[in-house]
C-alpha atoms as a PDB file:
ATOM      1  CA  MET A   1     132.834 122.942  72.912  1.00  0.00           C
ATOM      2  CA  ASN A   2     134.262 119.971  71.028  1.00  0.00           C
ATOM      3  CA  ILE A   3     137.465 118.477  72.459  1.00  0.00           C
ATOM      4  CA  ASN A   4     139.044 118.715  69.000  1.00  0.00           C
ATOM      5  CA  ASP A   5     138.674 122.513  69.057  1.00  0.00           C
ATOM      6  CA  TYR A   6     141.209 123.197  71.787  1.00  0.00           C
ATOM      7  CA  LYS A   7     144.803 122.465  72.623  1.00  0.00           C
ATOM      8  CA  VAL A   8     145.771 119.629  74.975  1.00  0.00           C
ATOM      9  CA  GLY A   9     149.128 119.848  76.712  1.00  0.00           C
ATOM     10  CA  LEU A  10     151.154 116.677  77.293  1.00  0.00           C
ATOM     11  CA  PHE A  11     153.520 116.461  80.275  1.00  0.00           C
ATOM     12  CA  VAL A  12     156.273 113.871  79.818  1.00  0.00           C
ATOM     13  CA  PRO A  13     158.227 113.211  83.044  1.00  0.00           C
ATOM     14  CA  CYS A  14     161.999 112.795  83.129  1.00  0.00           C
ATOM     15  CA  ASP A  15     161.984 109.000  83.467  1.00  0.00           C
ATOM     16  CA  ILE A  16     159.983 108.601  80.248  1.00  0.00           C
ATOM     17  CA  ASP A  17     162.009 111.319  78.499  1.00  0.00           C
ATOM     18  CA  GLN A  18     165.296 109.621  79.349  1.00  0.00           C
ATOM     19  CA  PHE A  19     164.512 105.903  79.447  1.00  0.00           C
ATOM     20  CA  SER A  20     161.314 105.295  77.457  1.00  0.00           C
ATOM     21  CA  PRO A  21     160.771 108.113  74.928  1.00  0.00           C
ATOM     22  CA  GLU A  22     158.731 105.773  72.750  1.00  0.00           C
ATOM     23  CA  THR A  23     156.032 105.948  75.436  1.00  0.00           C
ATOM     24  CA  ALA A  24     155.698 109.702  74.865  1.00  0.00           C
ATOM     25  CA  TRP A  25     155.438 109.218  71.112  1.00  0.00           C
ATOM     26  CA  ASN A  26     152.848 106.486  71.586  1.00  0.00           C
ATOM     27  CA  ALA A  27     150.725 108.913  73.617  1.00  0.00           C
ATOM     28  CA  ILE A  28     151.149 111.656  71.000  1.00  0.00           C
ATOM     29  CA  ASN A  29     150.249 109.276  68.174  1.00  0.00           C
ATOM     30  CA  LEU A  30     147.167 108.111  70.075  1.00  0.00           C
ATOM     31  CA  PHE A  31     145.997 111.684  70.661  1.00  0.00           C
ATOM     32  CA  GLU A  32     146.625 112.767  67.086  1.00  0.00           C
ATOM     33  CA  SER A  33     144.865 109.675  65.713  1.00  0.00           C
ATOM     34  CA  ILE A  34     141.629 110.852  67.325  1.00  0.00           C
ATOM     35  CA  GLY A  35     142.062 114.438  66.186  1.00  0.00           C
ATOM     36  CA  LEU A  36     143.433 116.174  69.276  1.00  0.00           C
ATOM     37  CA  GLN A  37     145.734 119.200  69.018  1.00  0.00           C
ATOM     38  CA  VAL A  38     148.720 118.152  71.139  1.00  0.00           C
ATOM     39  CA  PHE A  39     151.166 120.634  72.653  1.00  0.00           C
ATOM     40  CA  TYR A  40     154.349 118.841  73.775  1.00  0.00           C
ATOM     41  CA  PRO A  41     157.079 121.131  75.198  1.00  0.00           C
ATOM     42  CA  THR A  42     160.189 118.974  74.864  1.00  0.00           C
ATOM     43  CA  GLU A  43     162.270 121.199  77.180  1.00  0.00           C
ATOM     44  CA  LEU A  44     159.993 120.525  80.167  1.00  0.00           C
ATOM     45  CA  THR A  45     160.675 117.117  81.726  1.00  0.00           C
ATOM     46  CA  THR A  46     160.196 117.527  85.472  1.00  0.00           C
ATOM     47  CA  ILE A  47     157.651 119.012  87.823  1.00  0.00           C
ATOM     48  CA  GLY A  48     160.108 119.232  90.742  1.00  0.00           C
ATOM     49  CA  MET A  49     158.684 116.468  92.932  1.00  0.00           C
ATOM     50  CA  GLU A  50     162.055 114.968  93.859  1.00  0.00           C
ATOM     51  CA  LEU A  51     163.441 118.394  94.763  1.00  0.00           C
ATOM     52  CA  TYR A  52     160.460 118.979  97.024  1.00  0.00           C
ATOM     53  CA  ASN A  53     160.931 115.592  98.685  1.00  0.00           C
ATOM     54  CA  GLN A  54     164.594 116.458  99.324  1.00  0.00           C
ATOM     55  CA  GLY A  55     163.593 119.745 100.974  1.00  0.00           C
ATOM     56  CA  ASP A  56     164.686 122.116  98.190  1.00  0.00           C
ATOM     57  CA  LEU A  57     161.397 124.011  98.151  1.00  0.00           C
ATOM     58  CA  GLN A  58     162.733 127.043  96.286  1.00  0.00           C
ATOM     59  CA  SER A  59     163.905 124.995  93.309  1.00  0.00           C
ATOM     60  CA  ALA A  60     160.693 122.961  93.399  1.00  0.00           C
ATOM     61  CA  LYS A  61     158.695 126.190  93.279  1.00  0.00           C
ATOM     62  CA  GLN A  62     160.694 127.496  90.309  1.00  0.00           C
ATOM     63  CA  LEU A  63     160.023 124.320  88.333  1.00  0.00           C
ATOM     64  CA  ALA A  64     156.349 124.430  89.277  1.00  0.00           C
ATOM     65  CA  GLU A  65     156.161 128.033  88.031  1.00  0.00           C
ATOM     66  CA  LYS A  66     157.743 126.972  84.738  1.00  0.00           C
ATOM     67  CA  MET A  67     155.203 124.162  84.446  1.00  0.00           C
ATOM     68  CA  ILE A  68     152.266 126.512  84.992  1.00  0.00           C
ATOM     69  CA  GLU A  69     153.582 129.130  82.567  1.00  0.00           C
ATOM     70  CA  THR A  70     154.511 126.613  79.859  1.00  0.00           C
ATOM     71  CA  PHE A  71     151.036 125.144  79.661  1.00  0.00           C
ATOM     72  CA  GLU A  72     149.149 128.414  79.845  1.00  0.00           C
ATOM     73  CA  GLY A  73     146.474 128.373  77.175  1.00  0.00           C
ATOM     74  CA  CYS A  74     145.896 124.618  77.257  1.00  0.00           C
ATOM     75  CA  LYS A  75     142.400 123.441  78.122  1.00  0.00           C
ATOM     76  CA  TYR A  76     143.832 120.314  79.746  1.00  0.00           C
ATOM     77  CA  VAL A  77     147.348 119.236  80.697  1.00  0.00           C
ATOM     78  CA  VAL A  78     147.598 115.459  80.467  1.00  0.00           C
ATOM     79  CA  SER A  79     150.344 113.792  82.485  1.00  0.00           C
ATOM     80  CA  LEU A  80     152.053 110.491  81.677  1.00  0.00           C
ATOM     81  CA  SER A  81     152.902 110.351  85.383  1.00  0.00           C
ATOM     82  CA  SER A  82     149.916 109.897  87.682  1.00  0.00           C
ATOM     83  CA  ALA A  83     152.132 110.558  90.723  1.00  0.00           C
ATOM     84  CA  SER A  84     153.097 113.972  89.329  1.00  0.00           C
ATOM     85  CA  VAL A  85     149.441 115.017  89.285  1.00  0.00           C
ATOM     86  CA  ALA A  86     148.965 113.695  92.817  1.00  0.00           C
ATOM     87  CA  TYR A  87     152.057 115.635  93.935  1.00  0.00           C
ATOM     88  CA  ALA A  88     150.808 118.874  92.385  1.00  0.00           C
ATOM     89  CA  GLN A  89     147.380 118.473  93.933  1.00  0.00           C
ATOM     90  CA  LEU A  90     148.887 117.851  97.364  1.00  0.00           C
ATOM     91  CA  ARG A  91     151.948 120.150  97.434  1.00  0.00           C
ATOM     92  CA  PHE A  92     151.351 123.139  95.149  1.00  0.00           C
ATOM     93  CA  THR A  93     149.161 124.691  97.835  1.00  0.00           C
ATOM     94  CA  SER A  94     152.134 125.031 100.180  1.00  0.00           C
ATOM     95  CA  LEU A  95     154.381 126.334  97.364  1.00  0.00           C
ATOM     96  CA  PHE A  96     151.992 129.036  96.172  1.00  0.00           C
ATOM     97  CA  ARG A  97     149.987 130.026  99.240  1.00  0.00           C
ATOM     98  CA  ASN A  98     149.918 133.846  99.605  1.00  0.00           C
ATOM     99  CA  THR A  99     151.970 134.377  96.435  1.00  0.00           C
ATOM    100  CA  THR A 100     151.276 136.352  93.256  1.00  0.00           C
ATOM    101  CA  MET A 101     150.733 133.064  91.394  1.00  0.00           C
ATOM    102  CA  HIS A 102     147.987 131.771  93.676  1.00  0.00           C
ATOM    103  CA  ASN A 103     145.230 132.123  91.054  1.00  0.00           C
ATOM    104  CA  GLU A 104     147.418 130.685  88.294  1.00  0.00           C
ATOM    105  CA  TYR A 105     148.261 127.632  90.397  1.00  0.00           C
ATOM    106  CA  ARG A 106     144.584 127.043  91.167  1.00  0.00           C
ATOM    107  CA  GLY A 107     143.724 127.206  87.485  1.00  0.00           C
ATOM    108  CA  PHE A 108     146.526 124.798  86.616  1.00  0.00           C
ATOM    109  CA  ILE A 109     145.449 122.218  89.203  1.00  0.00           C
ATOM    110  CA  GLU A 110     141.928 122.211  87.770  1.00  0.00           C
ATOM    111  CA  LYS A 111     143.192 121.223  84.300  1.00  0.00           C
ATOM    112  CA  PHE A 112     146.129 118.938  85.269  1.00  0.00           C
ATOM    113  CA  ILE A 113     144.967 115.352  84.835  1.00  0.00           C
ATOM    114  CA  ASP A 114     146.349 111.826  84.552  1.00  0.00           C
ATOM    115  CA  PHE A 115     146.467 110.155  81.132  1.00  0.00           C
ATOM    116  CA  SER A 116     143.998 107.412  82.076  1.00  0.00           C
ATOM    117  CA  ASP A 117     141.593 109.842  83.760  1.00  0.00           C
ATOM    118  CA  PHE A 118     141.604 112.049  80.656  1.00  0.00           C
ATOM    119  CA  LEU A 119     140.980 109.148  78.284  1.00  0.00           C
ATOM    120  CA  ALA A 120     138.254 107.538  80.373  1.00  0.00           C
ATOM    121  CA  ASN A 121     136.371 110.566  81.686  1.00  0.00           C
ATOM    122  CA  ILE A 122     137.042 113.492  79.333  1.00  0.00           C
ATOM    123  CA  ILE A 123     137.171 112.021  75.824  1.00  0.00           C
ATOM    124  CA  HIS A 124     135.664 108.570  76.571  1.00  0.00           C
ATOM    125  CA  PHE A 125     138.308 106.766  74.548  1.00  0.00           C
ATOM    126  CA  LYS A 126     137.467 103.305  73.221  1.00  0.00           C
ATOM    127  CA  PRO A 127     140.544 101.124  72.550  1.00  0.00           C
ATOM    128  CA  SER A 128     140.519  99.340  69.216  1.00  0.00           C
ATOM    129  CA  LYS A 129     143.941  97.692  68.928  1.00  0.00           C
ATOM    130  CA  ALA A 130     144.188  94.155  70.275  1.00  0.00           C
ATOM    131  CA  PHE A 131     146.705  93.227  72.976  1.00  0.00           C
ATOM    132  CA  PRO A 132     146.479  89.439  73.368  1.00  0.00           C
ATOM    133  CA  HIS A 133     148.219  89.126  76.719  1.00  0.00           C
ATOM    134  CA  ARG A 134     147.495  88.508  80.381  1.00  0.00           C
ATOM    135  CA  VAL A 135     148.053  91.820  82.180  1.00  0.00           C
ATOM    136  CA  ALA A 136     148.362  92.755  85.851  1.00  0.00           C
ATOM    137  CA  LEU A 137     147.774  96.430  86.647  1.00  0.00           C
ATOM    138  CA  MET A 138     150.074  97.832  89.316  1.00  0.00           C
ATOM    139  CA  ASP A 139     148.525 100.772  91.154  1.00  0.00           C
ATOM    140  CA  ASN A 140     150.879 103.564  92.184  1.00  0.00           C
ATOM    141  CA  CYS A 141     150.745 104.002  95.963  1.00  0.00           C
ATOM    142  CA  GLN A 142     151.033 107.812  95.893  1.00  0.00           C
ATOM    143  CA  THR A 143     148.306 108.032  93.273  1.00  0.00           C
ATOM    144  CA  MET A 144     146.039 105.797  95.331  1.00  0.00           C
ATOM    145  CA  SER A 145     146.314 108.065  98.368  1.00  0.00           C
ATOM    146  CA  ASP A 146     146.711 111.591  96.959  1.00  0.00           C
ATOM    147  CA  TYR A 147     145.114 111.750  93.488  1.00  0.00           C
ATOM    148  CA  HIS A 148     141.719 113.399  93.039  1.00  0.00           C
ATOM    149  CA  SER A 149     140.081 113.390  89.626  1.00  0.00           C
ATOM    150  CA  PRO A 150     138.712 116.727  88.366  1.00  0.00           C
ATOM    151  CA  MET A 151     135.672 114.721  87.282  1.00  0.00           C
ATOM    152  CA  HIS A 152     134.946 113.301  90.748  1.00  0.00           C
ATOM    153  CA  PRO A 153     137.109 115.164  93.326  1.00  0.00           C
ATOM    154  CA  ASP A 154     135.232 113.532  96.216  1.00  0.00           C
ATOM    155  CA  ILE A 155     136.706 110.111  95.353  1.00  0.00           C
ATOM    156  CA  GLU A 156     140.210 109.423  96.633  1.00  0.00           C
ATOM    157  CA  GLY A 157     142.740 107.729  94.393  1.00  0.00           C
ATOM    158  CA  LEU A 158     142.946 106.591  90.783  1.00  0.00           C
ATOM    159  CA  GLN A 159     142.020 102.952  90.351  1.00  0.00           C
ATOM    160  CA  ASN A 160     138.907 102.586  88.177  1.00  0.00           C
ATOM    161  CA  GLU A 161     140.065 104.488  85.086  1.00  0.00           C
ATOM    162  CA  PRO A 162     143.137 102.378  84.156  1.00  0.00           C
ATOM    163  CA  ARG A 163     141.114  99.198  84.681  1.00  0.00           C
ATOM    164  CA  GLN A 164     138.223 100.525  82.615  1.00  0.00           C
ATOM    165  CA  LEU A 165     140.565 101.200  79.701  1.00  0.00           C
ATOM    166  CA  LEU A 166     142.413  97.885  79.955  1.00  0.00           C
ATOM    167  CA  ASN A 167     139.180  95.921  80.202  1.00  0.00           C
ATOM    168  CA  ALA A 168     138.086  97.518  76.921  1.00  0.00           C
ATOM    169  CA  VAL A 169     141.233  96.464  75.012  1.00  0.00           C
ATOM    170  CA  PRO A 170     140.406  93.602  72.622  1.00  0.00           C
ATOM    171  CA  GLU A 171     141.916  90.233  73.608  1.00  0.00           C
ATOM    172  CA  LEU A 172     143.522  91.610  76.783  1.00  0.00           C
ATOM    173  CA  GLN A 173     142.924  89.620  79.962  1.00  0.00           C
ATOM    174  CA  LEU A 174     143.194  91.770  83.089  1.00  0.00           C
ATOM    175  CA  VAL A 175     144.170  89.990  86.307  1.00  0.00           C
ATOM    176  CA  GLU A 176     144.448  91.366  89.822  1.00  0.00           C
ATOM    177  CA  MET A 177     147.515  90.626  91.906  1.00  0.00           C
ATOM    178  CA  ALA A 178     147.616  90.494  95.693  1.00  0.00           C
ATOM    179  CA  GLN A 179     148.896  93.330  97.910  1.00  0.00           C
ATOM    180  CA  ASN A 180     148.434  95.917  95.164  1.00  0.00           C
ATOM    181  CA  GLU A 181     148.141  98.703  97.717  1.00  0.00           C
ATOM    182  CA  ILE A 182     151.737  98.183  98.931  1.00  0.00           C
ATOM    183  CA  CYS A 183     154.632 100.225  97.495  1.00  0.00           C
ATOM    184  CA  CYS A 184     156.845  98.572  94.858  1.00  0.00           C
ATOM    185  CA  GLY A 185     159.988  99.960  96.518  1.00  0.00           C
ATOM    186  CA  TYR A 186     160.774 102.727  94.033  1.00  0.00           C
ATOM    187  CA  GLY A 187     159.922 106.071  95.671  1.00  0.00           C
ATOM    188  CA  GLY A 188     162.617 108.127  93.916  1.00  0.00           C
ATOM    189  CA  LEU A 189     165.746 108.179  96.083  1.00  0.00           C
ATOM    190  CA  PHE A 190     164.347 105.454  98.343  1.00  0.00           C
ATOM    191  CA  VAL A 191     165.618 102.856  95.875  1.00  0.00           C
ATOM    192  CA  ASN A 192     169.181 104.164  96.356  1.00  0.00           C
ATOM    193  CA  ASN A 193     169.120 104.880 100.071  1.00  0.00           C
ATOM    194  CA  PHE A 194     167.312 101.700 101.148  1.00  0.00           C
ATOM    195  CA  THR A 195     168.273  99.216  98.440  1.00  0.00           C
ATOM    196  CA  ILE A 196     167.713  96.045 100.478  1.00  0.00           C
ATOM    197  CA  ILE A 197     164.154  97.061 101.409  1.00  0.00           C
ATOM    198  CA  SER A 198     163.503  98.292  97.890  1.00  0.00           C
ATOM    199  CA  ASP A 199     164.609  94.975  96.383  1.00  0.00           C
ATOM    200  CA  LYS A 200     162.423  93.016  98.820  1.00  0.00           C
ATOM    201  CA  LEU A 201     159.379  95.055  97.789  1.00  0.00           C
ATOM    202  CA  ALA A 202     160.209  94.634  94.100  1.00  0.00           C
ATOM    203  CA  GLN A 203     160.491  90.858  94.528  1.00  0.00           C
ATOM    204  CA  MET A 204     157.125  90.793  96.303  1.00  0.00           C
ATOM    205  CA  LYS A 205     155.445  92.695  93.454  1.00  0.00           C
ATOM    206  CA  ILE A 206     156.953  90.427  90.829  1.00  0.00           C
ATOM    207  CA  ASP A 207     156.038  87.264  92.775  1.00  0.00           C
ATOM    208  CA  ASN A 208     152.440  88.490  93.071  1.00  0.00           C
ATOM    209  CA  ALA A 209     152.270  89.214  89.337  1.00  0.00           C
ATOM    210  CA  LEU A 210     153.678  85.810  88.437  1.00  0.00           C
ATOM    211  CA  ALA A 211     151.270  84.123  90.876  1.00  0.00           C
ATOM    212  CA  VAL A 212     148.295  85.230  88.777  1.00  0.00           C
ATOM    213  CA  GLY A 213     149.972  84.276  85.512  1.00  0.00           C
ATOM    214  CA  ALA A 214     150.672  87.807  84.291  1.00  0.00           C
ATOM    215  CA  GLU A 215     152.790  88.254  81.177  1.00  0.00           C
ATOM    216  CA  TYR A 216     152.852  92.043  81.556  1.00  0.00           C
ATOM    217  CA  VAL A 217     152.787  94.430  84.490  1.00  0.00           C
ATOM    218  CA  VAL A 218     151.193  97.729  83.453  1.00  0.00           C
ATOM    219  CA  SER A 219     151.079 101.004  85.362  1.00  0.00           C
ATOM    220  CA  THR A 220     150.399 104.732  85.036  1.00  0.00           C
ATOM    221  CA  GLU A 221     153.802 105.457  86.600  1.00  0.00           C
ATOM    222  CA  MET A 222     156.954 104.749  84.620  1.00  0.00           C
ATOM    223  CA  GLY A 223     159.382 105.099  87.553  1.00  0.00           C
ATOM    224  CA  CYS A 224     157.797 102.091  89.248  1.00  0.00           C
ATOM    225  CA  LEU A 225     157.922 100.081  86.029  1.00  0.00           C
ATOM    226  CA  LEU A 226     161.593 100.895  85.413  1.00  0.00           C
ATOM    227  CA  HIS A 227     162.413  99.850  88.976  1.00  0.00           C
ATOM    228  CA  LEU A 228     160.684  96.487  88.591  1.00  0.00           C
ATOM    229  CA  ARG A 229     162.072  95.926  85.095  1.00  0.00           C
ATOM    230  CA  SER A 230     165.608  96.539  86.328  1.00  0.00           C
ATOM    231  CA  TYR A 231     165.144  94.081  89.183  1.00  0.00           C
ATOM    232  CA  ALA A 232     163.547  91.459  86.905  1.00  0.00           C
ATOM    233  CA  GLU A 233     166.394  91.739  84.393  1.00  0.00           C
ATOM    234  CA  LYS A 234     168.969  91.405  87.166  1.00  0.00           C
ATOM    235  CA  LYS A 235     167.246  88.241  88.417  1.00  0.00           C
ATOM    236  CA  ARG A 236     166.514  86.975  84.871  1.00  0.00           C
ATOM    237  CA  ILE A 237     162.781  86.839  85.513  1.00  0.00           C
ATOM    238  CA  ASN A 238     160.630  86.477  82.395  1.00  0.00           C
ATOM    239  CA  LEU A 239     158.120  89.279  82.894  1.00  0.00           C
ATOM    240  CA  HIS A 240     157.368  92.335  80.764  1.00  0.00           C
ATOM    241  CA  PHE A 241     156.571  95.889  81.869  1.00  0.00           C
ATOM    242  CA  ALA A 242     154.649  98.577  79.979  1.00  0.00           C
ATOM    243  CA  HIS A 243     153.109 101.991  80.574  1.00  0.00           C
ATOM    244  CA  LEU A 244     149.381 102.189  79.922  1.00  0.00           C
ATOM    245  CA  ALA A 245     150.063 104.457  76.921  1.00  0.00           C
ATOM    246  CA  ASP A 246     152.149 101.719  75.295  1.00  0.00           C
ATOM    247  CA  VAL A 247     149.375  99.152  75.631  1.00  0.00           C
ATOM    248  CA  LEU A 248     146.703 101.475  74.258  1.00  0.00           C
END
């Protein structure tokens, strides 16, 4: 079956919906430019990860049920948050074990995929627009530990796909910064509850990006980018931040 023959769902997390809606439209425009049928439910902006992390499992389960039901009928559900996919893969089992939605949750997990994984491994996207900048890719720590691609579930983490796509962008120079496996200090409520530690980690990430001459820091996780951008603006550091969808 040709990819253009079926519907692709797009999950836009709350941080992109509220603070960077242009990123969602960039992803939609990219998909439509290559002939994909995109289903974008604008009323669905959270998967419930933060509620789960705060211990509100009932509310997290309700949002997960809404997610599964909303995207029923989609061949793939592409997420602009790699951490959301990692969360679903790791936590939905505990939310839906021995429930009436067990089969539905299993089916959803099999089609829920990160944006970069979908582009690189499902549709084999070849970037054509130039981006003449020096770019450092920031891996998301949760994605590195918990994400498993539907295309190669035996491999832990999501690292190759974003780099493969960026390396294919004309005129883009990809550089690797040190300590990429360490958290940037975002972690949802962590940034509010442990601000001093969070700021120290943000400064470390920014210092490492500047050390390799990066003009842009790019990631598959907008929350991390917003955290670093806020810190950089506060400190008047000349560094730009962009989601992978914006670059492509």
